[in-house]
């Protein structure tokens, strides 16, 4: 592996701001990002990556590779929650196993955005259709997680709740915004789109750094309670993403030979949702403990992916 890539990632300002957020909690600092500002920044990141992806997609011709890539993305979001559910339910109750499986089958838009920045540091760009694939992968994992809980749970989950969560998985704000921005970027006149380029491009990395600072603060606040569940959730959150990411960095070679696509498939397979899935599980499975699956995704898997994972997946995509 190219250890310079690992060193570059460890000294990335965005990651360092994430660490600063965790440090601020342990130093009992009053540092915080106002909730309204945090929400705005998260919406901005989704908007910017969606719009830029749409603009890129407008320059591409639909091909069999794109079709197979979309199918692979949906397949990943179905396979991962199934196998992780059976692994998790050996040690955890059905509710928590289903919620965690859904989180790891779904994707993290912020990890995706950070991965785009990582590729840019290697003078590489992401194909626009990968943004569409990311959005497509949100819903299937949520639905699979819900179905698994329903199948293995002796207590009934009402049909109303099932309908609500399926609807929510398709109309979730993050999914809707990134898909909507993608479509707008796709149909927008290229000359007109140049007018908002300073907003979508030039400010992007600065907003990402502030958002990761906020994520670090949120993670730091949840770590103490998380460790009360024992070692198993930590080990799962550490190793499963690396396993998923490494496997699909290799397996994606059968669909595409583009290094950036293979790297992004690895990121999508390795990341875990801490926005869409928690919101959906809160509606349908209130017995699932957010104090377990949120820190797993946010405080363990996310930093593992942006430190160890990204250089590892990029290395596999380059050499296989």
Protein backbone atom coordinates (compact mmCIF):
# COMPACT_ATOMS: atom_id res chain seq x y z
CA UNK A 1 0.00 0.00 0.00
CA UNK A 2 1.16 3.56 -0.64
CA UNK A 3 1.66 4.83 2.90
CA UNK A 4 1.93 8.39 1.63
CA UNK A 5 -1.78 8.17 0.78
CA UNK A 6 -2.54 7.05 4.34
CA UNK A 7 -0.43 9.88 5.76
CA UNK A 8 -2.12 12.41 3.48
CA UNK A 9 -5.53 11.23 4.64
CA UNK A 10 -4.56 11.34 8.32
CA UNK A 11 -3.45 14.96 7.90
CA UNK A 12 -6.51 15.97 5.88
CA UNK A 13 -8.01 19.15 7.45
CA UNK A 14 -11.52 17.66 7.32
CA UNK A 15 -10.43 14.63 9.39
CA UNK A 16 -8.48 16.81 11.81
CA UNK A 17 -11.59 18.91 12.45
CA UNK A 18 -13.47 15.68 13.19
CA UNK A 19 -10.81 14.78 15.78
CA UNK A 20 -11.02 18.30 17.20
CA UNK A 21 -14.75 17.81 17.76
CA UNK A 22 -14.16 14.61 19.76
CA UNK A 23 -11.35 16.30 21.71
CA UNK A 24 -13.62 19.24 22.55
CA UNK A 25 -16.11 16.88 24.22
CA UNK A 26 -13.43 15.20 26.33
CA UNK A 27 -12.03 18.58 27.35
CA UNK A 28 -15.60 19.56 28.34
CA UNK A 29 -15.45 22.59 26.07
CA UNK A 30 -18.59 24.55 25.26
CA UNK A 31 -17.70 24.38 21.55
CA UNK A 32 -20.75 23.51 19.46
CA UNK A 33 -22.27 24.12 16.05
CA UNK A 34 -25.80 25.57 16.35
CA UNK A 35 -28.39 22.95 15.26
CA UNK A 36 -29.84 25.18 12.54
CA UNK A 37 -26.36 25.82 11.12
CA UNK A 38 -25.53 22.12 11.22
CA UNK A 39 -28.72 21.27 9.35
CA UNK A 40 -28.02 23.94 6.74
CA UNK A 41 -24.49 22.64 6.16
CA UNK A 42 -25.68 19.04 5.76
CA UNK A 43 -28.31 20.19 3.26
CA UNK A 44 -25.68 22.23 1.42
CA UNK A 45 -23.34 19.21 1.10
CA UNK A 46 -26.12 17.03 -0.30
CA UNK A 47 -27.20 19.78 -2.68
CA UNK A 48 -23.66 20.46 -3.91
CA UNK A 49 -22.69 16.83 -4.50
CA UNK A 50 -26.03 16.11 -6.20
CA UNK A 51 -25.86 19.14 -8.47
CA UNK A 52 -22.25 18.52 -9.46
CA UNK A 53 -23.08 14.87 -10.11
CA UNK A 54 -25.97 15.91 -12.35
CA UNK A 55 -23.73 18.22 -14.32
CA UNK A 56 -21.22 15.41 -14.81
CA UNK A 57 -23.98 12.98 -15.74
CA UNK A 58 -25.24 15.37 -18.43
CA UNK A 59 -21.96 14.83 -20.31
CA UNK A 60 -22.19 11.03 -20.23
CA UNK A 61 -24.06 8.68 -22.53
CA UNK A 62 -26.14 5.93 -20.93
CA UNK A 63 -24.40 2.58 -21.42
CA UNK A 64 -24.57 -1.03 -20.31
CA UNK A 65 -21.80 -0.27 -17.80
CA UNK A 66 -23.97 2.36 -16.12
CA UNK A 67 -26.94 -0.03 -16.05
CA UNK A 68 -24.87 -2.84 -14.53
CA UNK A 69 -23.34 -0.39 -12.05
CA UNK A 70 -26.79 0.69 -10.86
CA UNK A 71 -27.79 -2.96 -10.47
CA UNK A 72 -24.61 -3.66 -8.49
CA UNK A 73 -25.36 -0.73 -6.16
CA UNK A 74 -28.85 -2.00 -5.36
CA UNK A 75 -27.52 -5.55 -4.95
CA UNK A 76 -24.95 -4.35 -2.41
CA UNK A 77 -27.65 -2.60 -0.40
CA UNK A 78 -29.66 -5.84 -0.25
CA UNK A 79 -26.86 -8.36 0.39
CA UNK A 80 -25.09 -6.51 3.22
CA UNK A 81 -28.10 -6.11 5.55
CA UNK A 82 -29.03 -9.79 5.07
CA UNK A 83 -25.69 -11.31 6.01
CA UNK A 84 -24.93 -8.77 8.76
CA UNK A 85 -28.37 -9.34 10.33
CA UNK A 86 -27.68 -13.05 10.85
CA UNK A 87 -24.25 -12.22 12.25
CA UNK A 88 -25.62 -9.58 14.61
CA UNK A 89 -28.62 -11.50 15.94
CA UNK A 90 -26.28 -14.05 17.51
CA UNK A 91 -25.23 -11.40 20.02
CA UNK A 92 -27.95 -8.74 19.94
CA UNK A 93 -31.76 -8.69 20.01
CA UNK A 94 -33.78 -8.71 16.79
CA UNK A 95 -34.60 -4.99 16.91
CA UNK A 96 -30.99 -3.85 17.26
CA UNK A 97 -29.75 -6.46 14.76
CA UNK A 98 -32.23 -5.25 12.13
CA UNK A 99 -31.50 -1.57 12.70
CA UNK A 100 -27.72 -2.04 12.56
CA UNK A 101 -28.00 -4.28 9.48
CA UNK A 102 -30.08 -1.60 7.72
CA UNK A 103 -27.55 1.08 8.67
CA UNK A 104 -24.63 -0.90 7.24
CA UNK A 105 -26.54 -1.83 4.09
CA UNK A 106 -27.45 1.80 3.50
CA UNK A 107 -24.91 4.53 2.77
CA UNK A 108 -23.40 7.62 4.34
CA UNK A 109 -23.64 10.67 2.13
CA UNK A 110 -20.97 12.45 4.19
CA UNK A 111 -18.53 9.53 3.72
CA UNK A 112 -19.32 9.67 0.00
CA UNK A 113 -18.61 13.41 -0.05
CA UNK A 114 -15.34 12.92 1.85
CA UNK A 115 -14.37 10.20 -0.64
CA UNK A 116 -14.98 12.61 -3.53
CA UNK A 117 -12.58 15.04 -1.86
CA UNK A 118 -10.08 12.20 -1.42
CA UNK A 119 -10.20 11.42 -5.14
CA UNK A 120 -9.75 15.08 -5.98
CA UNK A 121 -6.54 15.03 -3.93
CA UNK A 122 -5.38 12.28 -6.32
CA UNK A 123 -6.34 14.48 -9.31
CA UNK A 124 -9.27 12.18 -10.09
CA UNK A 125 -12.99 12.87 -10.48
CA UNK A 126 -16.18 10.93 -9.82
CA UNK A 127 -18.59 9.96 -12.59
CA UNK A 128 -21.94 11.66 -12.14
CA UNK A 129 -23.97 8.45 -12.20
CA UNK A 130 -22.26 7.30 -8.97
CA UNK A 131 -24.29 9.99 -7.18
CA UNK A 132 -27.48 8.45 -8.56
CA UNK A 133 -26.31 5.01 -7.42
CA UNK A 134 -25.67 6.35 -3.92
CA UNK A 135 -29.23 7.72 -3.73
CA UNK A 136 -30.66 4.43 -5.05
CA UNK A 137 -28.89 2.51 -2.26
CA UNK A 138 -30.61 4.34 0.63
CA UNK A 139 -34.05 2.74 0.42
CA UNK A 140 -33.47 -1.00 -0.27
CA UNK A 141 -31.39 -1.51 2.88
CA UNK A 142 -34.05 0.14 5.07
CA UNK A 143 -36.77 -2.04 3.55
CA UNK A 144 -34.68 -5.22 3.93
CA UNK A 145 -33.88 -4.39 7.57
CA UNK A 146 -37.57 -3.87 8.30
CA UNK A 147 -38.56 -7.11 6.59
CA UNK A 148 -35.94 -9.09 8.51
CA UNK A 149 -37.22 -7.71 11.82
CA UNK A 150 -40.79 -8.60 10.79
CA UNK A 151 -39.83 -12.14 9.77
CA UNK A 152 -37.88 -13.00 12.91
CA UNK A 153 -39.84 -10.99 15.46
CA UNK A 154 -42.63 -12.76 17.33
CA UNK A 155 -44.18 -9.45 18.28
CA UNK A 156 -46.15 -7.91 15.41
CA UNK A 157 -44.96 -4.75 13.72
CA UNK A 158 -48.13 -3.11 12.41
CA UNK A 159 -48.83 -2.75 8.71
CA UNK A 160 -49.23 1.00 9.20
CA UNK A 161 -45.70 1.27 10.51
CA UNK A 162 -44.41 -0.82 7.65
CA UNK A 163 -46.08 1.43 5.12
CA UNK A 164 -44.78 4.51 6.92
CA UNK A 165 -41.18 3.37 6.93
CA UNK A 166 -41.26 2.27 3.27
CA UNK A 167 -42.71 5.65 2.32
CA UNK A 168 -40.14 7.41 4.48
CA UNK A 169 -37.28 5.50 2.88
CA UNK A 170 -38.23 6.94 -0.52
CA UNK A 171 -39.22 10.45 0.61
CA UNK A 172 -36.50 10.97 3.22
CA UNK A 173 -35.19 14.52 2.96
CA UNK A 174 -31.59 13.52 2.24
CA UNK A 175 -32.63 11.11 -0.53
CA UNK A 176 -35.07 13.62 -2.03
CA UNK A 177 -32.57 16.48 -1.97
CA UNK A 178 -29.69 14.59 -3.54
CA UNK A 179 -31.92 13.05 -6.23
CA UNK A 180 -33.61 16.39 -6.89
CA UNK A 181 -30.26 18.20 -7.10
CA UNK A 182 -28.97 15.48 -9.41
CA UNK A 183 -31.94 15.92 -11.77
CA UNK A 184 -31.63 19.73 -11.69
CA UNK A 185 -27.92 19.49 -12.45
CA UNK A 186 -28.71 17.08 -15.27
CA UNK A 187 -31.23 19.35 -17.04
CA UNK A 188 -29.70 22.73 -16.13
CA UNK A 189 -28.15 24.79 -18.89
CA UNK A 190 -24.36 24.47 -18.55
CA UNK A 191 -23.83 28.22 -19.01
CA UNK A 192 -26.43 29.07 -16.36
CA UNK A 193 -24.97 26.45 -14.00
CA UNK A 194 -21.63 28.29 -14.10
CA UNK A 195 -23.31 31.09 -12.12
CA UNK A 196 -23.56 28.98 -8.97
CA UNK A 197 -20.25 27.15 -9.42
CA UNK A 198 -18.47 29.29 -6.78
CA UNK A 199 -21.12 28.19 -4.27
CA UNK A 200 -21.18 24.48 -5.18
CA UNK A 201 -17.41 24.08 -5.73
CA UNK A 202 -15.26 26.75 -4.06
CA UNK A 203 -16.98 26.66 -0.65
CA UNK A 204 -17.40 22.90 -0.54
CA UNK A 205 -14.29 21.85 1.40
CA UNK A 206 -14.73 24.57 4.00
CA UNK A 207 -18.31 23.55 4.73
CA UNK A 208 -17.25 19.90 4.84
CA UNK A 209 -14.62 20.69 7.50
CA UNK A 210 -17.16 22.50 9.69
CA UNK A 211 -19.67 19.68 9.26
CA UNK A 212 -17.09 17.09 10.32
CA UNK A 213 -16.28 19.21 13.36
CA UNK A 214 -19.94 18.94 14.29
CA UNK A 215 -19.88 15.18 13.61
CA UNK A 216 -16.88 14.87 15.92
CA UNK A 217 -18.75 16.65 18.72
CA UNK A 218 -21.78 14.38 18.21
CA UNK A 219 -19.60 11.27 18.22
CA UNK A 220 -17.73 12.29 21.34
CA UNK A 221 -20.98 12.70 23.27
CA UNK A 222 -22.13 9.16 22.39
CA UNK A 223 -18.91 7.22 22.90
CA UNK A 224 -19.21 6.69 26.67
CA UNK A 225 -22.68 5.11 26.45
CA UNK A 226 -21.64 3.05 23.43
CA UNK A 227 -18.81 1.28 25.27
CA UNK A 228 -21.28 0.05 27.89
CA UNK A 229 -22.53 -2.50 25.32
CA UNK A 230 -19.26 -4.41 25.40
CA UNK A 231 -16.61 -5.17 22.78
CA UNK A 232 -18.70 -6.89 20.09
CA UNK A 233 -20.38 -3.76 18.61
CA UNK A 234 -16.99 -2.01 18.43
CA UNK A 235 -15.32 -4.93 16.66
CA UNK A 236 -18.24 -5.23 14.24
CA UNK A 237 -18.18 -1.49 13.44
CA UNK A 238 -14.41 -1.62 12.93
CA UNK A 239 -13.92 -4.75 10.81
CA UNK A 240 -17.16 -5.23 8.83
CA UNK A 241 -16.77 -1.96 6.84
CA UNK A 242 -13.19 -2.89 5.92
CA UNK A 243 -14.36 -6.34 4.85
CA UNK A 244 -17.28 -4.98 2.80
CA UNK A 245 -15.23 -2.21 1.22
CA UNK A 246 -12.29 -4.45 0.32
CA UNK A 247 -14.51 -7.14 -1.17
CA UNK A 248 -16.50 -4.78 -3.38
CA UNK A 249 -13.39 -2.82 -4.40
CA UNK A 250 -12.34 -6.17 -5.89
CA UNK A 251 -15.73 -7.55 -7.00
CA UNK A 252 -16.71 -4.36 -8.84
CA UNK A 253 -14.01 -5.16 -11.42
CA UNK A 254 -16.57 -7.47 -13.06
CA UNK A 255 -18.84 -4.47 -13.71
CA UNK A 256 -16.39 -1.63 -14.36
CA UNK A 257 -12.66 -1.24 -14.89
CA UNK A 258 -12.68 2.43 -13.89
CA UNK A 259 -10.58 2.89 -10.72
CA UNK A 260 -12.68 5.78 -9.41
CA UNK A 261 -15.92 3.79 -9.83
CA UNK A 262 -14.46 0.78 -8.05
CA UNK A 263 -13.21 2.98 -5.23
CA UNK A 264 -16.64 4.59 -4.84
CA UNK A 265 -18.36 1.19 -4.83
CA UNK A 266 -16.04 0.23 -1.98
CA UNK A 267 -16.97 3.41 -0.11
CA UNK A 268 -20.69 2.81 -0.64
CA UNK A 269 -20.37 -0.78 0.59
CA UNK A 270 -18.22 0.19 3.58
CA UNK A 271 -20.14 3.23 4.82
CA UNK A 272 -23.04 3.15 7.27
CA UNK A 273 -26.03 5.47 7.43
CA UNK A 274 -26.47 7.65 10.51
CA UNK A 275 -29.14 9.97 9.10
CA UNK A 276 -31.73 8.16 6.95
CA UNK A 277 -31.77 4.80 8.76
CA UNK A 278 -32.03 6.18 12.33
CA UNK A 279 -34.91 8.39 11.21
CA UNK A 280 -36.68 5.44 9.56
CA UNK A 281 -36.11 3.08 12.51
CA UNK A 282 -37.42 5.67 14.93
CA UNK A 283 -40.74 5.51 13.06
CA UNK A 284 -41.04 1.74 12.68
CA UNK A 285 -38.89 0.05 15.33
CA UNK A 286 -38.76 2.27 18.44
CA UNK A 287 -37.36 -0.69 20.44
CA UNK A 288 -34.09 -0.46 18.49
CA UNK A 289 -31.53 1.41 20.58
CA UNK A 290 -30.09 4.49 18.79
CA UNK A 291 -27.42 4.64 21.51
CA UNK A 292 -25.99 1.52 19.90
CA UNK A 293 -26.28 1.84 16.12
CA UNK A 294 -25.61 5.60 15.91
CA UNK A 295 -22.18 5.50 17.62
CA UNK A 296 -21.27 2.38 15.64
CA UNK A 297 -21.85 4.19 12.34
CA UNK A 298 -20.70 7.65 13.35
CA UNK A 299 -17.97 7.21 15.98
CA UNK A 300 -16.32 4.01 14.75
CA UNK A 301 -17.11 3.17 11.11
CA UNK A 302 -16.90 6.73 9.78
CA UNK A 303 -13.37 7.48 11.10
CA UNK A 304 -12.19 3.96 10.17
CA UNK A 305 -13.29 4.55 6.59
CA UNK A 306 -11.67 7.96 6.21
CA UNK A 307 -8.37 6.92 7.79
CA UNK A 308 -7.64 3.25 7.05
CA UNK A 309 -10.40 2.44 4.57
CA UNK A 310 -9.91 4.96 1.80
CA UNK A 311 -6.20 4.25 1.15
CA UNK A 312 -6.92 0.50 1.38
CA UNK A 313 -9.85 0.54 -1.08
CA UNK A 314 -7.94 2.78 -3.48
CA UNK A 315 -4.96 0.42 -3.37
CA UNK A 316 -7.16 -2.61 -4.13
CA UNK A 317 -8.89 -0.80 -7.00
CA UNK A 318 -5.52 0.18 -8.45
CA UNK A 319 -3.82 -3.20 -8.19
CA UNK A 320 -6.52 -5.79 -9.01
